[in-house]
C-alpha atoms as a PDB file:
ATOM      1  CA  MET A   1      22.011 -18.495 -49.151  1.00  0.00           C
ATOM      2  CA  ALA A   2      20.642 -21.690 -47.566  1.00  0.00           C
ATOM      3  CA  TRP A   3      21.077 -20.227 -44.048  1.00  0.00           C
ATOM      4  CA  GLN A   4      19.324 -17.020 -45.034  1.00  0.00           C
ATOM      5  CA  HIS A   5      16.492 -19.017 -46.546  1.00  0.00           C
ATOM      6  CA  LEU A   6      16.255 -21.143 -43.381  1.00  0.00           C
ATOM      7  CA  GLN A   7      16.162 -18.038 -41.187  1.00  0.00           C
ATOM      8  CA  GLN A   8      12.952 -16.969 -42.884  1.00  0.00           C
ATOM      9  CA  TYR A   9      11.328 -20.012 -41.264  1.00  0.00           C
ATOM     10  CA  LEU A  10      13.238 -20.284 -37.996  1.00  0.00           C
ATOM     11  CA  TRP A  11      12.820 -16.727 -36.749  1.00  0.00           C
ATOM     12  CA  PRO A  12       9.006 -16.397 -36.883  1.00  0.00           C
ATOM     13  CA  ILE A  13       8.240 -20.006 -35.919  1.00  0.00           C
ATOM     14  CA  GLY A  14      10.983 -20.168 -33.272  1.00  0.00           C
ATOM     15  CA  THR A  15       9.928 -16.857 -31.732  1.00  0.00           C
ATOM     16  CA  ALA A  16       6.303 -18.004 -31.610  1.00  0.00           C
ATOM     17  CA  LEU A  17       7.286 -21.325 -29.991  1.00  0.00           C
ATOM     18  CA  VAL A  18       9.586 -19.692 -27.412  1.00  0.00           C
ATOM     19  CA  VAL A  19       7.099 -16.977 -26.420  1.00  0.00           C
ATOM     20  CA  GLY A  20       4.189 -19.422 -26.446  1.00  0.00           C
ATOM     21  CA  GLY A  21       6.168 -21.965 -24.431  1.00  0.00           C
ATOM     22  CA  LEU A  22       7.106 -19.367 -21.816  1.00  0.00           C
ATOM     23  CA  GLY A  23       3.492 -18.240 -21.611  1.00  0.00           C
ATOM     24  CA  ALA A  24       2.293 -21.835 -21.234  1.00  0.00           C
ATOM     25  CA  TRP A  25       4.919 -22.461 -18.531  1.00  0.00           C
ATOM     26  CA  ALA A  26       3.760 -19.363 -16.615  1.00  0.00           C
ATOM     27  CA  VAL A  27       0.101 -20.401 -16.892  1.00  0.00           C
ATOM     28  CA  LEU A  28       0.856 -23.945 -15.683  1.00  0.00           C
ATOM     29  CA  ALA A  29       2.975 -22.596 -12.808  1.00  0.00           C
ATOM     30  CA  LEU A  30       0.048 -20.413 -11.726  1.00  0.00           C
ATOM     31  CA  TYR A  31      -2.273 -23.399 -12.158  1.00  0.00           C
ATOM     32  CA  ARG A  32      -0.130 -25.512  -9.812  1.00  0.00           C
ATOM     33  CA  ARG A  33      -0.075 -22.714  -7.217  1.00  0.00           C
ATOM     34  CA  LEU A  34      -3.875 -22.498  -7.255  1.00  0.00           C
ATOM     35  CA  ARG A  35      -4.310 -26.183  -6.439  1.00  0.00           C
ATOM     36  CA  GLY A  36      -5.877 -26.772  -3.063  1.00  0.00           C
ATOM     37  CA  ARG A  37      -7.266 -23.259  -2.766  1.00  0.00           C
ATOM     38  CA  ASP A  38     -11.020 -22.899  -2.466  1.00  0.00           C
ATOM     39  CA  ARG A  39     -11.553 -19.269  -3.426  1.00  0.00           C
ATOM     40  CA  ARG A  40     -13.643 -18.394  -6.433  1.00  0.00           C
ATOM     41  CA  ARG A  41     -10.692 -16.852  -8.290  1.00  0.00           C
ATOM     42  CA  ALA A  42      -8.630 -19.978  -7.684  1.00  0.00           C
ATOM     43  CA  ARG A  43     -11.401 -22.227  -9.004  1.00  0.00           C
ATOM     44  CA  ILE A  44     -11.763 -20.071 -12.124  1.00  0.00           C
ATOM     45  CA  GLY A  45      -7.992 -20.148 -12.644  1.00  0.00           C
ATOM     46  CA  ARG A  46      -7.920 -23.946 -12.375  1.00  0.00           C
ATOM     47  CA  VAL A  47     -10.630 -24.202 -15.017  1.00  0.00           C
ATOM     48  CA  ILE A  48      -8.922 -21.862 -17.480  1.00  0.00           C
ATOM     49  CA  GLY A  49      -5.322 -22.994 -16.861  1.00  0.00           C
ATOM     50  CA  PRO A  50      -4.754 -26.184 -18.942  1.00  0.00           C
ATOM     51  CA  PRO A  51      -6.737 -25.096 -22.052  1.00  0.00           C
ATOM     52  CA  LEU A  52      -5.071 -21.679 -22.012  1.00  0.00           C
ATOM     53  CA  ALA A  53      -1.605 -23.212 -21.646  1.00  0.00           C
ATOM     54  CA  LEU A  54      -2.209 -25.343 -24.732  1.00  0.00           C
ATOM     55  CA  ALA A  55      -3.886 -22.556 -26.723  1.00  0.00           C
ATOM     56  CA  LEU A  56      -1.152 -19.925 -26.237  1.00  0.00           C
ATOM     57  CA  PRO A  57       1.523 -21.598 -28.413  1.00  0.00           C
ATOM     58  CA  LEU A  58      -1.055 -22.467 -31.064  1.00  0.00           C
ATOM     59  CA  LEU A  59      -2.371 -18.911 -31.115  1.00  0.00           C
ATOM     60  CA  LEU A  60       1.120 -17.430 -31.539  1.00  0.00           C
ATOM     61  CA  LEU A  61       2.005 -19.957 -34.212  1.00  0.00           C
ATOM     62  CA  VAL A  62      -0.721 -18.599 -36.496  1.00  0.00           C
ATOM     63  CA  PRO A  63       1.044 -15.276 -37.242  1.00  0.00           C
ATOM     64  CA  GLY A  64       4.402 -17.047 -37.054  1.00  0.00           C
ATOM     65  CA  VAL A  65       3.470 -19.488 -39.806  1.00  0.00           C
ATOM     66  CA  GLN A  66       1.885 -16.704 -41.867  1.00  0.00           C
ATOM     67  CA  ALA A  67       5.176 -14.757 -41.718  1.00  0.00           C
ATOM     68  CA  THR A  68       7.077 -17.583 -43.444  1.00  0.00           C
ATOM     69  CA  PRO A  69       7.423 -17.932 -47.229  1.00  0.00           C
ATOM     70  CA  LEU A  70       5.606 -21.268 -47.266  1.00  0.00           C
ATOM     71  CA  PRO A  71       3.715 -22.345 -50.398  1.00  0.00           C
ATOM     72  CA  GLU A  72       0.054 -21.418 -50.295  1.00  0.00           C
ATOM     73  CA  HIS A  73      -1.178 -25.027 -50.152  1.00  0.00           C
ATOM     74  CA  THR A  74       1.162 -25.965 -47.289  1.00  0.00           C
ATOM     75  CA  LEU A  75       0.303 -22.746 -45.441  1.00  0.00           C
ATOM     76  CA  ASP A  76      -3.413 -23.486 -45.722  1.00  0.00           C
ATOM     77  CA  GLN A  77      -2.934 -27.000 -44.351  1.00  0.00           C
ATOM     78  CA  LEU A  78      -0.872 -25.775 -41.373  1.00  0.00           C
ATOM     79  CA  LEU A  79      -3.355 -23.020 -40.602  1.00  0.00           C
ATOM     80  CA  ARG A  80      -6.204 -25.550 -40.722  1.00  0.00           C
ATOM     81  CA  VAL A  81      -4.362 -27.748 -38.207  1.00  0.00           C
ATOM     82  CA  LEU A  82      -3.759 -24.771 -35.913  1.00  0.00           C
ATOM     83  CA  HIS A  83      -7.399 -23.662 -36.157  1.00  0.00           C
ATOM     84  CA  ILE A  84      -8.533 -27.195 -35.315  1.00  0.00           C
ATOM     85  CA  GLY A  85      -6.259 -27.174 -32.272  1.00  0.00           C
ATOM     86  CA  LEU A  86      -7.617 -23.797 -31.134  1.00  0.00           C
ATOM     87  CA  THR A  87     -11.191 -25.020 -31.604  1.00  0.00           C
ATOM     88  CA  ALA A  88     -10.407 -28.122 -29.544  1.00  0.00           C
ATOM     89  CA  CYS A  89      -8.945 -25.925 -26.786  1.00  0.00           C
ATOM     90  CA  PHE A  90     -12.067 -23.759 -26.793  1.00  0.00           C
ATOM     91  CA  ILE A  91     -14.342 -26.812 -26.609  1.00  0.00           C
ATOM     92  CA  TRP A  92     -12.192 -28.210 -23.795  1.00  0.00           C
ATOM     93  CA  LEU A  93     -12.510 -24.907 -21.934  1.00  0.00           C
ATOM     94  CA  LEU A  94     -16.302 -24.902 -22.310  1.00  0.00           C
ATOM     95  CA  VAL A  95     -16.576 -28.498 -21.061  1.00  0.00           C
ATOM     96  CA  ARG A  96     -14.360 -27.717 -18.061  1.00  0.00           C
ATOM     97  CA  GLY A  97     -16.460 -24.628 -17.362  1.00  0.00           C
ATOM     98  CA  VAL A  98     -19.688 -26.649 -17.354  1.00  0.00           C
ATOM     99  CA  ALA A  99     -18.103 -29.283 -15.097  1.00  0.00           C
ATOM    100  CA  ALA A 100     -16.854 -26.572 -12.714  1.00  0.00           C
ATOM    101  CA  GLY A 101     -20.312 -25.000 -12.587  1.00  0.00           C
ATOM    102  CA  GLU A 102     -21.800 -28.408 -11.819  1.00  0.00           C
ATOM    103  CA  ARG A 103     -19.341 -28.982  -8.974  1.00  0.00           C
ATOM    104  CA  ALA A 104     -20.060 -25.530  -7.532  1.00  0.00           C
ATOM    105  CA  ILE A 105     -23.819 -26.134  -7.509  1.00  0.00           C
ATOM    106  CA  LEU A 106     -23.421 -29.611  -5.999  1.00  0.00           C
ATOM    107  CA  ARG A 107     -21.101 -28.227  -3.338  1.00  0.00           C
ATOM    108  CA  SER A 108     -23.637 -25.532  -2.442  1.00  0.00           C
ATOM    109  CA  HIS A 109     -26.483 -28.052  -2.086  1.00  0.00           C
ATOM    110  CA  PRO A 110     -25.234 -31.143  -0.197  1.00  0.00           C
ATOM    111  CA  ILE A 111     -27.608 -34.068   0.213  1.00  0.00           C
ATOM    112  CA  ASP A 112     -26.016 -35.458   3.382  1.00  0.00           C
ATOM    113  CA  VAL A 113     -28.400 -33.440   5.576  1.00  0.00           C
ATOM    114  CA  SER A 114     -31.634 -34.408   7.301  1.00  0.00           C
ATOM    115  CA  ASP A 115     -34.011 -32.406   5.080  1.00  0.00           C
ATOM    116  CA  ASN A 116     -32.470 -32.850   1.629  1.00  0.00           C
ATOM    117  CA  LEU A 117     -35.516 -32.820  -0.655  1.00  0.00           C
ATOM    118  CA  GLU A 118     -34.678 -29.461  -2.251  1.00  0.00           C
ATOM    119  CA  ALA A 119     -30.977 -30.343  -2.492  1.00  0.00           C
ATOM    120  CA  ARG A 120     -31.760 -33.631  -4.232  1.00  0.00           C
ATOM    121  CA  ARG A 121     -34.009 -31.817  -6.708  1.00  0.00           C
ATOM    122  CA  ILE A 122     -31.279 -29.304  -7.569  1.00  0.00           C
ATOM    123  CA  GLN A 123     -28.548 -31.952  -7.764  1.00  0.00           C
ATOM    124  CA  THR A 124     -30.621 -34.116 -10.085  1.00  0.00           C
ATOM    125  CA  GLN A 125     -31.338 -31.249 -12.470  1.00  0.00           C
ATOM    126  CA  THR A 126     -27.720 -30.092 -12.352  1.00  0.00           C
ATOM    127  CA  ARG A 127     -26.193 -33.502 -13.079  1.00  0.00           C
ATOM    128  CA  VAL A 128     -28.522 -34.366 -15.945  1.00  0.00           C
ATOM    129  CA  LEU A 129     -28.491 -30.951 -17.621  1.00  0.00           C
ATOM    130  CA  SER A 130     -24.717 -30.564 -17.297  1.00  0.00           C
ATOM    131  CA  ARG A 131     -24.110 -33.908 -18.991  1.00  0.00           C
ATOM    132  CA  VAL A 132     -26.529 -33.046 -21.783  1.00  0.00           C
ATOM    133  CA  LEU A 133     -24.845 -29.662 -22.203  1.00  0.00           C
ATOM    134  CA  MET A 134     -21.341 -31.168 -22.265  1.00  0.00           C
ATOM    135  CA  GLY A 135     -22.435 -33.736 -24.833  1.00  0.00           C
ATOM    136  CA  GLY A 136     -23.945 -30.995 -26.995  1.00  0.00           C
ATOM    137  CA  ILE A 137     -20.758 -28.916 -26.782  1.00  0.00           C
ATOM    138  CA  ILE A 138     -18.593 -31.883 -27.828  1.00  0.00           C
ATOM    139  CA  VAL A 139     -20.878 -32.764 -30.740  1.00  0.00           C
ATOM    140  CA  LEU A 140     -20.958 -29.136 -31.905  1.00  0.00           C
ATOM    141  CA  GLY A 141     -17.170 -28.861 -31.642  1.00  0.00           C
ATOM    142  CA  ALA A 142     -16.644 -32.080 -33.590  1.00  0.00           C
ATOM    143  CA  SER A 143     -19.037 -30.806 -36.264  1.00  0.00           C
ATOM    144  CA  LEU A 144     -17.141 -27.526 -36.574  1.00  0.00           C
ATOM    145  CA  VAL A 145     -13.840 -29.384 -36.923  1.00  0.00           C
ATOM    146  CA  LEU A 146     -15.184 -31.746 -39.584  1.00  0.00           C
ATOM    147  CA  LEU A 147     -16.673 -28.884 -41.578  1.00  0.00           C
ATOM    148  CA  THR A 148     -13.181 -27.432 -42.081  1.00  0.00           C
ATOM    149  CA  PHE A 149     -12.420 -30.284 -44.506  1.00  0.00           C
ATOM    150  CA  PRO A 150     -13.676 -29.771 -48.061  1.00  0.00           C
ATOM    151  CA  MET A 151     -14.498 -33.474 -48.474  1.00  0.00           C
ATOM    152  CA  VAL A 152     -16.806 -33.391 -45.464  1.00  0.00           C
ATOM    153  CA  GLN A 153     -18.522 -30.307 -46.857  1.00  0.00           C
ATOM    154  CA  LYS A 154     -19.168 -32.143 -50.131  1.00  0.00           C
ATOM    155  CA  ILE A 155     -20.547 -35.126 -48.249  1.00  0.00           C
ATOM    156  CA  GLY A 156     -22.785 -32.792 -46.262  1.00  0.00           C
ATOM    157  CA  THR A 157     -24.119 -31.260 -49.477  1.00  0.00           C
ATOM    158  CA  ALA A 158     -24.849 -34.712 -50.869  1.00  0.00           C
ATOM    159  CA  LEU A 159     -26.588 -35.714 -47.664  1.00  0.00           C
ATOM    160  CA  LEU A 160     -28.756 -32.601 -47.771  1.00  0.00           C
ATOM    161  CA  ALA A 161     -29.771 -33.510 -51.326  1.00  0.00           C
ATOM    162  CA  SER A 162     -31.115 -36.844 -50.059  1.00  0.00           C
ATOM    163  CA  ALA A 163     -32.172 -35.620 -46.626  1.00  0.00           C
ATOM    164  CA  GLY A 164     -35.469 -37.515 -46.610  1.00  0.00           C
ATOM    165  CA  LEU A 165     -34.056 -41.030 -46.856  1.00  0.00           C
ATOM    166  CA  ILE A 166     -30.949 -40.280 -44.802  1.00  0.00           C
ATOM    167  CA  GLY A 167     -33.043 -38.608 -42.115  1.00  0.00           C
ATOM    168  CA  LEU A 168     -35.327 -41.636 -41.894  1.00  0.00           C
ATOM    169  CA  VAL A 169     -32.412 -44.084 -41.627  1.00  0.00           C
ATOM    170  CA  ALA A 170     -30.527 -41.905 -39.149  1.00  0.00           C
ATOM    171  CA  GLY A 171     -33.656 -41.425 -37.074  1.00  0.00           C
ATOM    172  CA  ILE A 172     -34.225 -45.172 -36.832  1.00  0.00           C
ATOM    173  CA  ALA A 173     -30.554 -45.863 -36.047  1.00  0.00           C
ATOM    174  CA  ALA A 174     -30.245 -43.087 -33.463  1.00  0.00           C
ATOM    175  CA  LYS A 175     -33.588 -43.724 -31.753  1.00  0.00           C
ATOM    176  CA  PRO A 176     -32.045 -45.170 -28.555  1.00  0.00           C
ATOM    177  CA  VAL A 177     -29.583 -42.277 -28.284  1.00  0.00           C
ATOM    178  CA  PHE A 178     -32.133 -39.539 -28.815  1.00  0.00           C
ATOM    179  CA  GLY A 179     -34.677 -41.428 -26.714  1.00  0.00           C
ATOM    180  CA  ASN A 180     -32.326 -41.422 -23.730  1.00  0.00           C
ATOM    181  CA  LEU A 181     -31.443 -37.771 -24.380  1.00  0.00           C
ATOM    182  CA  ILE A 182     -35.092 -36.716 -24.379  1.00  0.00           C
ATOM    183  CA  ALA A 183     -35.794 -38.939 -21.364  1.00  0.00           C
ATOM    184  CA  GLY A 184     -32.913 -37.268 -19.526  1.00  0.00           C
ATOM    185  CA  LEU A 185     -34.362 -33.842 -20.212  1.00  0.00           C
ATOM    186  CA  GLN A 186     -37.804 -35.030 -19.077  1.00  0.00           C
ATOM    187  CA  ILE A 187     -36.383 -36.416 -15.849  1.00  0.00           C
ATOM    188  CA  ALA A 188     -34.436 -33.201 -15.224  1.00  0.00           C
ATOM    189  CA  VAL A 189     -37.549 -31.050 -15.708  1.00  0.00           C
ATOM    190  CA  THR A 190     -40.367 -33.176 -14.275  1.00  0.00           C
ATOM    191  CA  GLN A 191     -38.194 -35.163 -11.819  1.00  0.00           C
ATOM    192  CA  PRO A 192     -40.070 -38.416 -11.303  1.00  0.00           C
ATOM    193  CA  ILE A 193     -36.835 -39.549  -9.640  1.00  0.00           C
ATOM    194  CA  ARG A 194     -34.062 -37.696  -7.843  1.00  0.00           C
ATOM    195  CA  LEU A 195     -30.723 -38.642  -6.390  1.00  0.00           C
ATOM    196  CA  ASP A 196     -31.086 -40.650  -3.166  1.00  0.00           C
ATOM    197  CA  ASP A 197     -34.786 -41.356  -3.812  1.00  0.00           C
ATOM    198  CA  VAL A 198     -36.074 -44.658  -2.420  1.00  0.00           C
ATOM    199  CA  VAL A 199     -37.656 -46.608  -5.275  1.00  0.00           C
ATOM    200  CA  ILE A 200     -38.939 -50.064  -6.110  1.00  0.00           C
ATOM    201  CA  VAL A 201     -37.850 -51.078  -9.619  1.00  0.00           C
ATOM    202  CA  GLU A 202     -38.598 -54.524 -11.044  1.00  0.00           C
ATOM    203  CA  GLY A 203     -39.575 -55.668  -7.546  1.00  0.00           C
ATOM    204  CA  GLU A 204     -36.255 -54.518  -6.037  1.00  0.00           C
ATOM    205  CA  TRP A 205     -36.004 -51.970  -3.201  1.00  0.00           C
ATOM    206  CA  GLY A 206     -33.148 -49.500  -3.492  1.00  0.00           C
ATOM    207  CA  ARG A 207     -31.954 -45.909  -3.751  1.00  0.00           C
ATOM    208  CA  ILE A 208     -31.115 -43.798  -6.804  1.00  0.00           C
ATOM    209  CA  GLU A 209     -27.320 -43.633  -6.664  1.00  0.00           C
ATOM    210  CA  GLU A 210     -26.460 -42.077 -10.033  1.00  0.00           C
ATOM    211  CA  ILE A 211     -28.318 -40.459 -12.923  1.00  0.00           C
ATOM    212  CA  GLY A 212     -26.213 -40.440 -16.071  1.00  0.00           C
ATOM    213  CA  SER A 213     -26.857 -39.248 -19.603  1.00  0.00           C
ATOM    214  CA  SER A 214     -28.263 -42.627 -20.701  1.00  0.00           C
ATOM    215  CA  TYR A 215     -28.843 -44.753 -17.599  1.00  0.00           C
ATOM    216  CA  VAL A 216     -29.735 -44.697 -13.898  1.00  0.00           C
ATOM    217  CA  VAL A 217     -27.893 -46.694 -11.240  1.00  0.00           C
ATOM    218  CA  VAL A 218     -30.100 -48.017  -8.428  1.00  0.00           C
ATOM    219  CA  ARG A 219     -28.258 -49.205  -5.308  1.00  0.00           C
ATOM    220  CA  ILE A 220     -30.192 -52.250  -4.072  1.00  0.00           C
ATOM    221  CA  TRP A 221     -30.516 -52.789  -0.318  1.00  0.00           C
ATOM    222  CA  ASP A 222     -27.988 -55.685  -0.391  1.00  0.00           C
ATOM    223  CA  GLU A 223     -25.351 -53.493  -2.153  1.00  0.00           C
ATOM    224  CA  ARG A 224     -26.118 -54.750  -5.655  1.00  0.00           C
ATOM    225  CA  ARG A 225     -26.386 -52.171  -8.433  1.00  0.00           C
ATOM    226  CA  MET A 226     -29.188 -52.218 -10.986  1.00  0.00           C
ATOM    227  CA  VAL A 227     -28.442 -50.255 -14.182  1.00  0.00           C
ATOM    228  CA  VAL A 228     -31.681 -49.065 -15.802  1.00  0.00           C
ATOM    229  CA  PRO A 229     -32.004 -47.056 -19.057  1.00  0.00           C
ATOM    230  CA  LEU A 230     -33.414 -43.574 -18.644  1.00  0.00           C
ATOM    231  CA  THR A 231     -36.283 -44.336 -20.993  1.00  0.00           C
ATOM    232  CA  TRP A 232     -37.466 -47.124 -18.663  1.00  0.00           C
ATOM    233  CA  PHE A 233     -38.465 -44.593 -15.995  1.00  0.00           C
ATOM    234  CA  ILE A 234     -40.513 -42.678 -18.580  1.00  0.00           C
ATOM    235  CA  GLU A 235     -42.244 -45.702 -20.108  1.00  0.00           C
ATOM    236  CA  HIS A 236     -42.867 -47.966 -17.082  1.00  0.00           C
ATOM    237  CA  PRO A 237     -44.592 -47.491 -13.712  1.00  0.00           C
ATOM    238  CA  PHE A 238     -42.464 -47.730 -10.576  1.00  0.00           C
ATOM    239  CA  GLN A 239     -42.756 -46.856  -6.903  1.00  0.00           C
ATOM    240  CA  ASN A 240     -41.038 -43.780  -5.485  1.00  0.00           C
ATOM    241  CA  TRP A 241     -41.286 -43.720  -1.705  1.00  0.00           C
ATOM    242  CA  THR A 242     -39.700 -40.268  -1.304  1.00  0.00           C
ATOM    243  CA  ARG A 243     -41.320 -38.308  -4.154  1.00  0.00           C
ATOM    244  CA  ARG A 244     -42.583 -35.482  -1.927  1.00  0.00           C
ATOM    245  CA  SER A 245     -41.434 -36.608   1.510  1.00  0.00           C
ATOM    246  CA  ALA A 246     -40.228 -39.713   3.325  1.00  0.00           C
ATOM    247  CA  ASP A 247     -43.583 -40.204   5.135  1.00  0.00           C
ATOM    248  CA  LEU A 248     -45.214 -43.633   4.854  1.00  0.00           C
ATOM    249  CA  LEU A 249     -48.193 -45.129   6.645  1.00  0.00           C
ATOM    250  CA  GLY A 250     -47.122 -47.840   9.079  1.00  0.00           C
ATOM    251  CA  THR A 251     -49.274 -50.871   9.839  1.00  0.00           C
ATOM    252  CA  ALA A 252     -49.327 -53.398  12.651  1.00  0.00           C
ATOM    253  CA  PHE A 253     -51.282 -56.668  12.159  1.00  0.00           C
ATOM    254  CA  LEU A 254     -52.859 -58.538  15.075  1.00  0.00           C
ATOM    255  CA  TRP A 255     -54.173 -62.071  14.510  1.00  0.00           C
ATOM    256  CA  LEU A 256     -57.080 -62.464  16.970  1.00  0.00           C
ATOM    257  CA  ASP A 257     -60.082 -64.692  17.561  1.00  0.00           C
ATOM    258  CA  TYR A 258     -63.732 -63.665  17.499  1.00  0.00           C
ATOM    259  CA  ARG A 259     -63.754 -62.783  21.213  1.00  0.00           C
ATOM    260  CA  ALA A 260     -61.345 -59.812  20.676  1.00  0.00           C
ATOM    261  CA  PRO A 261     -62.851 -56.504  22.015  1.00  0.00           C
ATOM    262  CA  ILE A 262     -62.504 -54.292  18.944  1.00  0.00           C
ATOM    263  CA  ALA A 263     -63.743 -51.152  20.724  1.00  0.00           C
ATOM    264  CA  ALA A 264     -61.188 -51.581  23.505  1.00  0.00           C
ATOM    265  CA  ILE A 265     -58.405 -52.207  21.000  1.00  0.00           C
ATOM    266  CA  ARG A 266     -59.381 -49.072  19.076  1.00  0.00           C
ATOM    267  CA  ALA A 267     -59.377 -46.972  22.253  1.00  0.00           C
ATOM    268  CA  GLU A 268     -55.988 -48.378  23.292  1.00  0.00           C
ATOM    269  CA  LEU A 269     -54.491 -47.578  19.869  1.00  0.00           C
ATOM    270  CA  GLU A 270     -55.708 -43.969  20.105  1.00  0.00           C
ATOM    271  CA  ARG A 271     -54.224 -43.679  23.598  1.00  0.00           C
ATOM    272  CA  ILE A 272     -50.848 -45.005  22.396  1.00  0.00           C
ATOM    273  CA  CYS A 273     -50.745 -42.657  19.374  1.00  0.00           C
ATOM    274  CA  GLN A 274     -51.718 -39.577  21.371  1.00  0.00           C
ATOM    275  CA  GLY A 275     -49.035 -40.348  23.931  1.00  0.00           C
ATOM    276  CA  GLN A 276     -46.265 -40.564  21.343  1.00  0.00           C
ATOM    277  CA  PRO A 277     -44.442 -37.298  20.402  1.00  0.00           C
ATOM    278  CA  LEU A 278     -43.367 -38.863  17.062  1.00  0.00           C
ATOM    279  CA  TRP A 279     -46.967 -39.262  15.841  1.00  0.00           C
ATOM    280  CA  ASP A 280     -47.864 -36.566  13.277  1.00  0.00           C
ATOM    281  CA  GLY A 281     -51.559 -36.608  14.239  1.00  0.00           C
ATOM    282  CA  ARG A 282     -52.858 -37.591  10.794  1.00  0.00           C
ATOM    283  CA  VAL A 283     -53.857 -41.280  10.757  1.00  0.00           C
ATOM    284  CA  CYS A 284     -54.798 -43.577  13.639  1.00  0.00           C
ATOM    285  CA  VAL A 285     -57.267 -46.215  12.461  1.00  0.00           C
ATOM    286  CA  THR A 286     -58.246 -49.651  13.684  1.00  0.00           C
ATOM    287  CA  GLN A 287     -59.770 -51.879  11.000  1.00  0.00           C
ATOM    288  CA  VAL A 288     -60.855 -55.490  10.699  1.00  0.00           C
ATOM    289  CA  THR A 289     -59.289 -56.593   7.409  1.00  0.00           C
ATOM    290  CA  GLU A 290     -60.326 -60.267   7.257  1.00  0.00           C
ATOM    291  CA  THR A 291     -62.625 -62.712   9.015  1.00  0.00           C
END
């Protein structure tokens, strides 16, 4: 009688575990075979592989657990755990999909070329928006998981009843987080800075090395790194030497006495500029700046 009672649990759960384990093993074996391949199908398979391998046993355990004569309370708890695991796998899959899309766009628009203005614009938008999207997916997934617990639902109802005060306190507490989030979206859309831009921040000359979800890393000319909050670039003025192009006006200072022939110097400068193939033909001016 005890063995027959035990079989009612072992057969459905064991079958689900064996079939799910074999399916996960097959998915992981395919995942390992796709490593190193650069075709689109291989990249898609690498994205789907790990979450699918984890989700298969959980998905098969749902009908397996339902086929057992478990008490209703215990069955509900197990099903909640399985649903949370499946939700986590789905969120993991979405995050990996966004990361794979980001890598594909970055790979299609390299910035290690001579004329990389358009590539830097696309890479900046892609990096910032992908991080915002991944953060939103994780927050949404965590919210869905928490809402499966009755206690959290009761707390949420109580919070909604006092939404005015709670909203004010939460808004004040989360101001830096939301400020950086909004600043990131502004930078992605308006692009006052891009990756590899040459900027002067707080009197330091450097290049934009990384744009994260809450900060920007500026690589200073002597290999130091300055970490600046995203909101700083929205709220403070700074110099961007490569906003539209890398063109800058060059100057040469000559310290002369009052006998210097300005007209001859001006004519000589025009002759030098016109004889240089690198001159763009825009500016060639001789000025007396101080006397």
